[in-house]
Amino acid sequence: VLSRAIERRFVNHGSSLKIILPDPLTFAELAEDRHYGNKEKLQFAYTDAIRGELKTLSSLGVKYVQFSAPSLVYRLKQKPFSRAGLKQLGEAVRNALKGVSLRSGFYPFFGDASPYLPELLDLIPTDDIGLDLTQTDDSSLSGTSKGIIAGIVDARTTYLEDVESLASRIEGIVERTGVKTV
């Protein structure tokens, strides 16, 4: 389906194309399940569909997929995910990426990811992990071999952040995590 929306003139011209998709959990949380009757089964059904899309997109020249994962941290009136739930989500993402040769990122936003650190870095099998650092305390970050997608500018306000403060924050993240890619 997505491959029809990608114009060939945008790919294979020396530049990388990044696709952003909801993660399997967000698909499952936002769907009305009339078939599976079980969020876990529904989540894994979505991984099969995602994998098919990613294989097609990769063949068209897409180089990177970012899974946007607001449902992990935006838990309105719901309990936070358990470690077992996070591990299951990691398996769903792994299943979605199976046999696909794309770099990947996983980005929970609209909430605090601190309760899931450092396990989030270990259990989600993507090259990069994104964090909404307007909601997540970056002091909870630790060393990782993954790249960090650092959401440090708050797009929910018209307040103009100071560039020096933002740069200082990035430097602190690099020092704490040892990452080479931010």
N, C-alpha and C. Protein backbone atom coordinates (compact mmCIF):
# COMPACT_ATOMS: atom_id res chain seq x y z
N VAL A 1 0.83 -1.18 0.00
CA VAL A 1 0.00 0.00 0.00
C VAL A 1 0.87 1.25 0.00
N LEU A 2 1.85 1.32 0.90
CA LEU A 2 2.71 2.50 0.98
C LEU A 2 3.55 2.68 -0.27
N SER A 3 3.91 1.57 -0.90
CA SER A 3 4.76 1.68 -2.09
C SER A 3 4.09 2.50 -3.19
N ARG A 4 2.76 2.49 -3.24
CA ARG A 4 2.06 3.29 -4.23
C ARG A 4 2.17 4.78 -3.95
N ALA A 5 2.42 5.15 -2.71
CA ALA A 5 2.53 6.56 -2.34
C ALA A 5 3.94 7.12 -2.55
N ILE A 6 4.90 6.23 -2.78
CA ILE A 6 6.28 6.68 -2.94
C ILE A 6 6.57 6.85 -4.42
N GLU A 7 6.92 8.03 -4.78
CA GLU A 7 7.25 8.28 -6.17
C GLU A 7 8.70 7.89 -6.40
N ARG A 8 8.94 7.18 -7.48
CA ARG A 8 10.28 6.70 -7.78
C ARG A 8 11.29 7.83 -7.92
N ARG A 9 10.83 9.01 -8.27
CA ARG A 9 11.76 10.12 -8.42
C ARG A 9 12.39 10.52 -7.08
N PHE A 10 11.81 10.09 -5.96
CA PHE A 10 12.35 10.43 -4.65
C PHE A 10 13.36 9.42 -4.13
N VAL A 11 13.46 8.28 -4.76
CA VAL A 11 14.37 7.24 -4.28
C VAL A 11 15.42 6.92 -5.33
N ASN A 12 16.49 6.28 -4.86
CA ASN A 12 17.59 5.84 -5.73
C ASN A 12 18.26 6.99 -6.47
N HIS A 13 18.37 8.13 -5.85
CA HIS A 13 19.07 9.26 -6.45
C HIS A 13 20.18 9.74 -5.52
N GLY A 14 20.77 8.81 -4.79
CA GLY A 14 21.87 9.14 -3.92
C GLY A 14 21.47 9.65 -2.54
N SER A 15 20.21 9.88 -2.32
CA SER A 15 19.77 10.33 -1.00
C SER A 15 18.99 9.21 -0.32
N SER A 16 18.96 9.27 0.99
CA SER A 16 18.25 8.25 1.75
C SER A 16 16.82 8.70 2.01
N LEU A 17 15.92 7.77 1.91
CA LEU A 17 14.52 8.05 2.21
C LEU A 17 14.15 7.34 3.49
N LYS A 18 13.53 8.07 4.40
CA LYS A 18 13.11 7.55 5.69
C LYS A 18 11.59 7.46 5.70
N ILE A 19 11.08 6.34 6.18
CA ILE A 19 9.65 6.13 6.32
C ILE A 19 9.33 6.06 7.81
N ILE A 20 8.24 6.70 8.21
CA ILE A 20 7.80 6.65 9.60
C ILE A 20 6.46 5.93 9.65
N LEU A 21 6.41 4.87 10.46
CA LEU A 21 5.20 4.06 10.62
C LEU A 21 4.88 3.90 12.11
N PRO A 22 3.63 3.69 12.44
CA PRO A 22 3.32 3.31 13.82
C PRO A 22 3.94 1.95 14.14
N ASP A 23 4.33 1.77 15.38
CA ASP A 23 4.86 0.47 15.80
C ASP A 23 3.71 -0.52 15.96
N PRO A 24 4.01 -1.82 16.06
CA PRO A 24 2.94 -2.82 16.19
C PRO A 24 2.02 -2.59 17.39
N LEU A 25 2.57 -2.13 18.52
CA LEU A 25 1.75 -1.87 19.70
C LEU A 25 0.75 -0.75 19.42
N THR A 26 1.20 0.33 18.81
CA THR A 26 0.30 1.45 18.53
C THR A 26 -0.80 1.03 17.56
N PHE A 27 -0.46 0.26 16.54
CA PHE A 27 -1.50 -0.27 15.65
C PHE A 27 -2.53 -1.06 16.46
N ALA A 28 -2.03 -1.97 17.32
CA ALA A 28 -2.93 -2.84 18.08
C ALA A 28 -3.76 -2.05 19.09
N GLU A 29 -3.17 -1.07 19.74
CA GLU A 29 -3.89 -0.28 20.74
C GLU A 29 -4.99 0.58 20.11
N LEU A 30 -4.75 1.06 18.89
CA LEU A 30 -5.71 1.96 18.26
C LEU A 30 -6.75 1.25 17.39
N ALA A 31 -6.55 -0.04 17.17
CA ALA A 31 -7.46 -0.80 16.32
C ALA A 31 -8.67 -1.30 17.09
N GLU A 32 -9.75 -1.45 16.39
CA GLU A 32 -10.91 -2.13 16.95
C GLU A 32 -10.78 -3.60 16.54
N ASP A 33 -10.52 -4.44 17.51
CA ASP A 33 -10.26 -5.86 17.24
C ASP A 33 -11.58 -6.64 17.20
N ARG A 34 -11.98 -7.01 16.01
CA ARG A 34 -13.20 -7.81 15.86
C ARG A 34 -12.88 -9.25 15.46
N HIS A 35 -11.59 -9.58 15.43
CA HIS A 35 -11.22 -10.90 14.95
C HIS A 35 -10.41 -11.70 15.97
N TYR A 36 -9.34 -11.13 16.51
CA TYR A 36 -8.41 -11.88 17.34
C TYR A 36 -8.87 -12.01 18.79
N GLY A 37 -9.47 -10.97 19.33
CA GLY A 37 -9.91 -11.01 20.71
C GLY A 37 -8.77 -11.02 21.71
N ASN A 38 -7.58 -10.64 21.26
CA ASN A 38 -6.39 -10.69 22.09
C ASN A 38 -5.39 -9.68 21.54
N LYS A 39 -4.96 -8.72 22.36
CA LYS A 39 -4.03 -7.66 21.91
C LYS A 39 -2.71 -8.23 21.42
N GLU A 40 -2.21 -9.28 22.08
CA GLU A 40 -0.94 -9.87 21.67
C GLU A 40 -1.04 -10.46 20.26
N LYS A 41 -2.11 -11.22 20.00
CA LYS A 41 -2.29 -11.80 18.66
C LYS A 41 -2.46 -10.71 17.61
N LEU A 42 -3.21 -9.69 17.98
CA LEU A 42 -3.43 -8.58 17.06
C LEU A 42 -2.11 -7.86 16.75
N GLN A 43 -1.32 -7.62 17.78
CA GLN A 43 -0.02 -6.97 17.60
C GLN A 43 0.87 -7.76 16.64
N PHE A 44 0.91 -9.07 16.81
CA PHE A 44 1.75 -9.89 15.93
C PHE A 44 1.17 -10.02 14.53
N ALA A 45 -0.14 -9.93 14.39
CA ALA A 45 -0.74 -9.91 13.05
C ALA A 45 -0.30 -8.64 12.31
N TYR A 46 -0.23 -7.54 13.02
CA TYR A 46 0.25 -6.30 12.40
C TYR A 46 1.71 -6.41 11.98
N THR A 47 2.51 -7.16 12.72
CA THR A 47 3.93 -7.28 12.33
C THR A 47 4.07 -7.94 10.97
N ASP A 48 3.22 -8.90 10.67
CA ASP A 48 3.28 -9.54 9.36
C ASP A 48 2.97 -8.54 8.24
N ALA A 49 1.97 -7.71 8.46
CA ALA A 49 1.62 -6.69 7.46
C ALA A 49 2.73 -5.66 7.32
N ILE A 50 3.29 -5.23 8.45
CA ILE A 50 4.37 -4.25 8.43
C ILE A 50 5.57 -4.82 7.67
N ARG A 51 5.94 -6.06 7.96
CA ARG A 51 7.09 -6.69 7.30
C ARG A 51 6.90 -6.71 5.78
N GLY A 52 5.71 -7.05 5.31
CA GLY A 52 5.45 -7.05 3.87
C GLY A 52 5.64 -5.67 3.26
N GLU A 53 5.14 -4.65 3.95
CA GLU A 53 5.32 -3.27 3.47
C GLU A 53 6.79 -2.89 3.45
N LEU A 54 7.52 -3.25 4.51
CA LEU A 54 8.92 -2.87 4.60
C LEU A 54 9.76 -3.54 3.51
N LYS A 55 9.46 -4.79 3.21
CA LYS A 55 10.19 -5.47 2.13
C LYS A 55 9.98 -4.76 0.80
N THR A 56 8.75 -4.38 0.53
CA THR A 56 8.46 -3.66 -0.71
C THR A 56 9.15 -2.30 -0.73
N LEU A 57 9.06 -1.58 0.37
CA LEU A 57 9.68 -0.26 0.44
C LEU A 57 11.20 -0.34 0.30
N SER A 58 11.79 -1.36 0.91
CA SER A 58 13.23 -1.55 0.79
C SER A 58 13.62 -1.78 -0.67
N SER A 59 12.82 -2.55 -1.38
CA SER A 59 13.12 -2.80 -2.80
C SER A 59 13.00 -1.54 -3.65
N LEU A 60 12.26 -0.56 -3.15
CA LEU A 60 12.11 0.72 -3.86
C LEU A 60 13.22 1.71 -3.51
N GLY A 61 14.07 1.35 -2.56
CA GLY A 61 15.18 2.22 -2.21
C GLY A 61 15.07 2.92 -0.87
N VAL A 62 14.02 2.65 -0.10
CA VAL A 62 13.92 3.22 1.23
C VAL A 62 15.03 2.61 2.08
N LYS A 63 15.70 3.45 2.88
CA LYS A 63 16.86 3.00 3.66
C LYS A 63 16.62 2.93 5.17
N TYR A 64 15.55 3.59 5.65
CA TYR A 64 15.37 3.70 7.10
C TYR A 64 13.89 3.69 7.43
N VAL A 65 13.53 2.96 8.47
CA VAL A 65 12.17 2.99 9.00
C VAL A 65 12.23 3.41 10.46
N GLN A 66 11.38 4.36 10.81
CA GLN A 66 11.23 4.76 12.21
C GLN A 66 9.85 4.32 12.67
N PHE A 67 9.82 3.53 13.73
CA PHE A 67 8.55 3.14 14.33
C PHE A 67 8.18 4.20 15.36
N SER A 68 7.13 4.91 15.12
CA SER A 68 6.62 5.87 16.09
C SER A 68 5.75 5.12 17.08
N ALA A 69 6.06 5.29 18.37
CA ALA A 69 5.47 4.44 19.40
C ALA A 69 4.84 5.23 20.54
N PRO A 70 3.87 6.08 20.26
CA PRO A 70 3.26 6.84 21.35
C PRO A 70 2.50 5.97 22.35
N SER A 71 1.99 4.84 21.92
CA SER A 71 1.19 4.00 22.82
C SER A 71 2.00 3.40 23.96
N LEU A 72 3.31 3.33 23.80
CA LEU A 72 4.13 2.79 24.89
C LEU A 72 4.15 3.73 26.08
N VAL A 73 4.25 5.03 25.84
CA VAL A 73 4.42 5.97 26.95
C VAL A 73 3.17 6.80 27.24
N TYR A 74 2.30 6.96 26.29
CA TYR A 74 1.06 7.70 26.54
C TYR A 74 0.01 6.68 26.97
N ARG A 75 -0.08 6.46 28.28
CA ARG A 75 -0.91 5.39 28.84
C ARG A 75 -2.08 5.98 29.62
N LEU A 76 -2.87 6.82 29.00
CA LEU A 76 -3.97 7.49 29.66
C LEU A 76 -4.86 6.47 30.38
N LYS A 77 -4.91 6.58 31.70
CA LYS A 77 -5.72 5.72 32.56
C LYS A 77 -5.38 4.24 32.43
N GLN A 78 -4.18 3.94 31.98
CA GLN A 78 -3.73 2.55 31.88
C GLN A 78 -2.43 2.40 32.67
N LYS A 79 -2.17 1.18 33.11
CA LYS A 79 -0.94 0.90 33.82
C LYS A 79 0.24 0.96 32.85
N PRO A 80 1.43 1.32 33.35
CA PRO A 80 2.62 1.23 32.50
C PRO A 80 2.85 -0.22 32.08
N PHE A 81 3.55 -0.40 31.01
CA PHE A 81 3.87 -1.74 30.54
C PHE A 81 4.82 -2.42 31.50
N SER A 82 4.66 -3.70 31.66
CA SER A 82 5.58 -4.50 32.47
C SER A 82 6.81 -4.83 31.62
N ARG A 83 7.84 -5.34 32.27
CA ARG A 83 9.02 -5.79 31.52
C ARG A 83 8.63 -6.87 30.51
N ALA A 84 7.71 -7.75 30.91
CA ALA A 84 7.25 -8.80 29.99
C ALA A 84 6.54 -8.19 28.78
N GLY A 85 5.75 -7.15 29.01
CA GLY A 85 5.08 -6.47 27.90
C GLY A 85 6.06 -5.78 26.98
N LEU A 86 7.11 -5.18 27.57
CA LEU A 86 8.15 -4.54 26.77
C LEU A 86 8.93 -5.57 25.97
N LYS A 87 9.19 -6.72 26.59
CA LYS A 87 9.89 -7.80 25.89
C LYS A 87 9.04 -8.31 24.72
N GLN A 88 7.74 -8.43 24.93
CA GLN A 88 6.83 -8.87 23.87
C GLN A 88 6.83 -7.85 22.72
N LEU A 89 6.83 -6.57 23.07
CA LEU A 89 6.89 -5.53 22.04
C LEU A 89 8.19 -5.64 21.25
N GLY A 90 9.29 -5.90 21.95
CA GLY A 90 10.57 -6.10 21.27
C GLY A 90 10.51 -7.25 20.28
N GLU A 91 9.85 -8.34 20.66
CA GLU A 91 9.69 -9.48 19.75
C GLU A 91 8.82 -9.11 18.55
N ALA A 92 7.79 -8.31 18.78
CA ALA A 92 6.94 -7.87 17.67
C ALA A 92 7.73 -7.01 16.68
N VAL A 93 8.56 -6.11 17.20
CA VAL A 93 9.39 -5.28 16.32
C VAL A 93 10.39 -6.15 15.58
N ARG A 94 11.01 -7.10 16.29
CA ARG A 94 11.96 -8.03 15.66
C ARG A 94 11.27 -8.79 14.51
N ASN A 95 10.05 -9.24 14.75
CA ASN A 95 9.30 -9.97 13.74
C ASN A 95 9.00 -9.07 12.53
N ALA A 96 8.67 -7.82 12.78
CA ALA A 96 8.38 -6.88 11.69
C ALA A 96 9.61 -6.63 10.83
N LEU A 97 10.79 -6.67 11.45
CA LEU A 97 12.04 -6.38 10.73
C LEU A 97 12.70 -7.63 10.14
N LYS A 98 12.16 -8.81 10.45
CA LYS A 98 12.78 -10.06 10.00
C LYS A 98 12.86 -10.12 8.47
N GLY A 99 14.08 -10.32 7.96
CA GLY A 99 14.28 -10.45 6.52
C GLY A 99 14.27 -9.12 5.78
N VAL A 100 14.29 -8.02 6.51
CA VAL A 100 14.25 -6.69 5.90
C VAL A 100 15.61 -6.03 6.12
N SER A 101 16.18 -5.48 5.07
CA SER A 101 17.49 -4.85 5.21
C SER A 101 17.35 -3.32 5.21
N LEU A 102 16.84 -2.82 6.32
CA LEU A 102 16.70 -1.38 6.53
C LEU A 102 17.30 -1.03 7.88
N ARG A 103 17.88 0.15 7.99
CA ARG A 103 18.20 0.67 9.32
C ARG A 103 16.88 1.03 9.98
N SER A 104 16.86 1.00 11.30
CA SER A 104 15.57 1.21 11.97
C SER A 104 15.73 1.99 13.28
N GLY A 105 14.64 2.64 13.62
CA GLY A 105 14.56 3.37 14.88
C GLY A 105 13.20 3.13 15.53
N PHE A 106 13.15 3.35 16.82
CA PHE A 106 11.93 3.17 17.60
C PHE A 106 11.79 4.40 18.47
N TYR A 107 10.67 5.13 18.33
CA TYR A 107 10.56 6.43 18.98
C TYR A 107 9.26 6.58 19.75
N PRO A 108 9.27 6.30 21.08
CA PRO A 108 8.10 6.59 21.90
C PRO A 108 8.05 8.09 22.22
N PHE A 109 6.89 8.69 22.07
CA PHE A 109 6.76 10.12 22.35
C PHE A 109 5.39 10.40 22.94
N PHE A 110 5.19 11.61 23.41
CA PHE A 110 3.99 12.06 24.14
C PHE A 110 3.93 11.47 25.53
N GLY A 111 5.10 11.20 26.11
CA GLY A 111 5.11 10.69 27.47
C GLY A 111 6.51 10.42 27.96
N ASP A 112 6.61 10.06 29.22
CA ASP A 112 7.87 9.81 29.89
C ASP A 112 8.31 8.36 29.68
N ALA A 113 9.45 8.17 29.05
CA ALA A 113 9.98 6.82 28.82
C ALA A 113 10.89 6.35 29.96
N SER A 114 11.12 7.18 30.96
CA SER A 114 12.02 6.82 32.07
C SER A 114 11.69 5.47 32.72
N PRO A 115 10.39 5.15 32.93
CA PRO A 115 10.10 3.85 33.56
C PRO A 115 10.58 2.64 32.74
N TYR A 116 10.88 2.86 31.48
CA TYR A 116 11.27 1.75 30.60
C TYR A 116 12.78 1.71 30.35
N LEU A 117 13.50 2.62 30.97
CA LEU A 117 14.96 2.65 30.78
C LEU A 117 15.64 1.92 31.93
N PRO A 118 16.72 1.20 31.70
CA PRO A 118 17.44 1.03 30.44
C PRO A 118 16.92 -0.11 29.58
N GLU A 119 15.89 -0.85 30.04
CA GLU A 119 15.40 -2.02 29.32
C GLU A 119 15.00 -1.69 27.87
N LEU A 120 14.44 -0.51 27.66
CA LEU A 120 14.03 -0.11 26.32
C LEU A 120 15.20 -0.21 25.34
N LEU A 121 16.37 0.21 25.79
CA LEU A 121 17.56 0.17 24.94
C LEU A 121 17.98 -1.26 24.62
N ASP A 122 17.72 -2.17 25.54
CA ASP A 122 18.15 -3.56 25.38
C ASP A 122 17.12 -4.43 24.67
N LEU A 123 15.84 -4.19 24.90
CA LEU A 123 14.81 -5.11 24.43
C LEU A 123 14.21 -4.75 23.07
N ILE A 124 14.35 -3.51 22.62
CA ILE A 124 13.82 -3.12 21.32
C ILE A 124 14.94 -3.25 20.29
N PRO A 125 14.79 -4.16 19.32
CA PRO A 125 15.90 -4.50 18.42
C PRO A 125 16.03 -3.58 17.21
N THR A 126 16.20 -2.29 17.46
CA THR A 126 16.40 -1.34 16.37
C THR A 126 17.78 -0.71 16.49
N ASP A 127 18.22 -0.08 15.42
CA ASP A 127 19.53 0.57 15.42
C ASP A 127 19.55 1.80 16.33
N ASP A 128 18.41 2.49 16.37
CA ASP A 128 18.30 3.74 17.13
C ASP A 128 17.08 3.69 18.03
N ILE A 129 17.17 4.42 19.14
CA ILE A 129 16.03 4.59 20.04
C ILE A 129 15.80 6.09 20.18
N GLY A 130 14.56 6.49 19.99
CA GLY A 130 14.21 7.89 20.16
C GLY A 130 13.57 8.11 21.51
N LEU A 131 13.76 9.31 22.03
CA LEU A 131 13.15 9.66 23.30
C LEU A 131 12.63 11.09 23.23
N ASP A 132 11.43 11.27 23.71
CA ASP A 132 10.84 12.60 23.82
C ASP A 132 11.43 13.20 25.10
N LEU A 133 12.52 13.94 24.93
CA LEU A 133 13.23 14.45 26.09
C LEU A 133 12.61 15.72 26.66
N THR A 134 11.49 16.14 26.10
CA THR A 134 10.70 17.18 26.74
C THR A 134 9.85 16.56 27.84
N GLN A 135 9.69 15.23 27.79
CA GLN A 135 8.90 14.49 28.78
C GLN A 135 9.75 13.53 29.61
N THR A 136 10.87 13.08 29.05
CA THR A 136 11.73 12.08 29.69
C THR A 136 12.98 12.75 30.24
N ASP A 137 13.30 12.48 31.48
CA ASP A 137 14.50 13.04 32.10
C ASP A 137 15.72 12.34 31.49
N ASP A 138 16.56 13.11 30.79
CA ASP A 138 17.70 12.48 30.11
C ASP A 138 18.77 11.99 31.08
N SER A 139 18.69 12.34 32.36
CA SER A 139 19.66 11.81 33.33
C SER A 139 19.44 10.31 33.56
N SER A 140 18.29 9.77 33.11
CA SER A 140 18.02 8.34 33.26
C SER A 140 18.67 7.52 32.16
N LEU A 141 19.32 8.17 31.20
CA LEU A 141 20.01 7.46 30.12
C LEU A 141 21.34 6.91 30.61
N SER A 142 21.72 5.78 30.01
CA SER A 142 23.02 5.19 30.32
C SER A 142 23.67 4.74 29.02
N GLY A 143 24.82 4.13 29.13
CA GLY A 143 25.59 3.72 27.96
C GLY A 143 24.81 2.80 27.04
N THR A 144 24.99 3.00 25.74
CA THR A 144 24.33 2.17 24.74
C THR A 144 25.13 2.18 23.44
N SER A 145 25.00 1.12 22.69
CA SER A 145 25.63 1.07 21.37
C SER A 145 24.67 1.56 20.28
N LYS A 146 23.44 1.86 20.66
CA LYS A 146 22.45 2.35 19.70
C LYS A 146 22.62 3.84 19.47
N GLY A 147 22.10 4.30 18.36
CA GLY A 147 22.00 5.74 18.15
C GLY A 147 20.82 6.26 18.96
N ILE A 148 20.86 7.54 19.29
CA ILE A 148 19.77 8.16 20.04
C ILE A 148 19.11 9.21 19.15
N ILE A 149 17.79 9.08 19.00
CA ILE A 149 16.99 10.11 18.34
C ILE A 149 16.52 11.01 19.48
N ALA A 150 17.13 12.17 19.60
CA ALA A 150 16.91 13.02 20.78
C ALA A 150 15.88 14.09 20.47
N GLY A 151 14.67 13.88 20.94
CA GLY A 151 13.61 14.88 20.79
C GLY A 151 13.73 15.91 21.89
N ILE A 152 14.48 16.98 21.63
CA ILE A 152 14.74 17.96 22.68
C ILE A 152 13.99 19.27 22.48
N VAL A 153 13.44 19.49 21.31
CA VAL A 153 12.67 20.71 21.06
C VAL A 153 11.20 20.41 21.30
N ASP A 154 10.56 21.20 22.12
CA ASP A 154 9.16 20.98 22.45
C ASP A 154 8.26 21.64 21.41
N ALA A 155 7.71 20.83 20.53
CA ALA A 155 6.85 21.34 19.45
C ALA A 155 5.45 21.67 19.94
N ARG A 156 5.17 21.39 21.22
CA ARG A 156 3.84 21.66 21.76
C ARG A 156 3.72 23.06 22.37
N THR A 157 4.74 23.87 22.15
CA THR A 157 4.72 25.22 22.71
C THR A 157 5.26 26.22 21.69
N THR A 158 4.91 27.45 21.85
CA THR A 158 5.45 28.50 20.97
C THR A 158 6.69 29.13 21.60
N TYR A 159 7.06 28.69 22.80
CA TYR A 159 8.25 29.19 23.47
C TYR A 159 9.48 28.81 22.64
N LEU A 160 10.33 29.78 22.36
CA LEU A 160 11.54 29.55 21.59
C LEU A 160 12.67 29.14 22.54
N GLU A 161 13.15 27.91 22.37
CA GLU A 161 14.22 27.43 23.23
C GLU A 161 15.57 28.03 22.83
N ASP A 162 16.43 28.17 23.80
CA ASP A 162 17.76 28.72 23.59
C ASP A 162 18.65 27.67 22.92
N VAL A 163 19.28 28.03 21.81
CA VAL A 163 20.10 27.09 21.05
C VAL A 163 21.26 26.56 21.89
N GLU A 164 21.86 27.41 22.68
CA GLU A 164 22.98 26.97 23.54
C GLU A 164 22.53 25.93 24.55
N SER A 165 21.35 26.10 25.11
CA SER A 165 20.82 25.12 26.08
C SER A 165 20.56 23.79 25.40
N LEU A 166 20.01 23.83 24.19
CA LEU A 166 19.74 22.60 23.45
C LEU A 166 21.05 21.88 23.12
N ALA A 167 22.06 22.63 22.67
CA ALA A 167 23.37 22.05 22.34
C ALA A 167 24.01 21.43 23.58
N SER A 168 23.90 22.13 24.71
CA SER A 168 24.45 21.61 25.96
C SER A 168 23.76 20.31 26.37
N ARG A 169 22.48 20.26 26.17
CA ARG A 169 21.73 19.05 26.50
C ARG A 169 22.18 17.86 25.64
N ILE A 170 22.38 18.10 24.35
CA ILE A 170 22.87 17.05 23.45
C ILE A 170 24.25 16.59 23.90
N GLU A 171 25.12 17.51 24.24
CA GLU A 171 26.47 17.14 24.71
C GLU A 171 26.38 16.26 25.96
N GLY A 172 25.47 16.58 26.87
CA GLY A 172 25.29 15.76 28.07
C GLY A 172 24.81 14.35 27.74
N ILE A 173 23.92 14.25 26.77
CA ILE A 173 23.42 12.94 26.34
C ILE A 173 24.56 12.11 25.75
N VAL A 174 25.37 12.73 24.92
CA VAL A 174 26.51 12.03 24.32
C VAL A 174 27.47 11.55 25.41
N GLU A 175 27.76 12.40 26.39
CA GLU A 175 28.66 12.02 27.48
C GLU A 175 28.12 10.85 28.30
N ARG A 176 26.82 10.89 28.66
CA ARG A 176 26.23 9.83 29.48
C ARG A 176 26.08 8.51 28.75
N THR A 177 25.79 8.56 27.47
CA THR A 177 25.49 7.33 26.75
C THR A 177 26.66 6.78 25.94
N GLY A 178 27.59 7.67 25.57
CA GLY A 178 28.70 7.24 24.72
C GLY A 178 28.29 7.00 23.28
N VAL A 179 27.11 7.48 22.89
CA VAL A 179 26.64 7.24 21.53
C VAL A 179 27.48 8.01 20.52
N LYS A 180 27.53 7.49 19.32
CA LYS A 180 28.23 8.14 18.24
C LYS A 180 27.26 8.83 17.28
N THR A 181 25.98 8.46 17.38
CA THR A 181 24.96 9.02 16.49
C THR A 181 23.84 9.61 17.33
N VAL A 182 23.60 10.90 17.18
CA VAL A 182 22.48 11.55 17.85
C VAL A 182 21.66 12.26 16.79
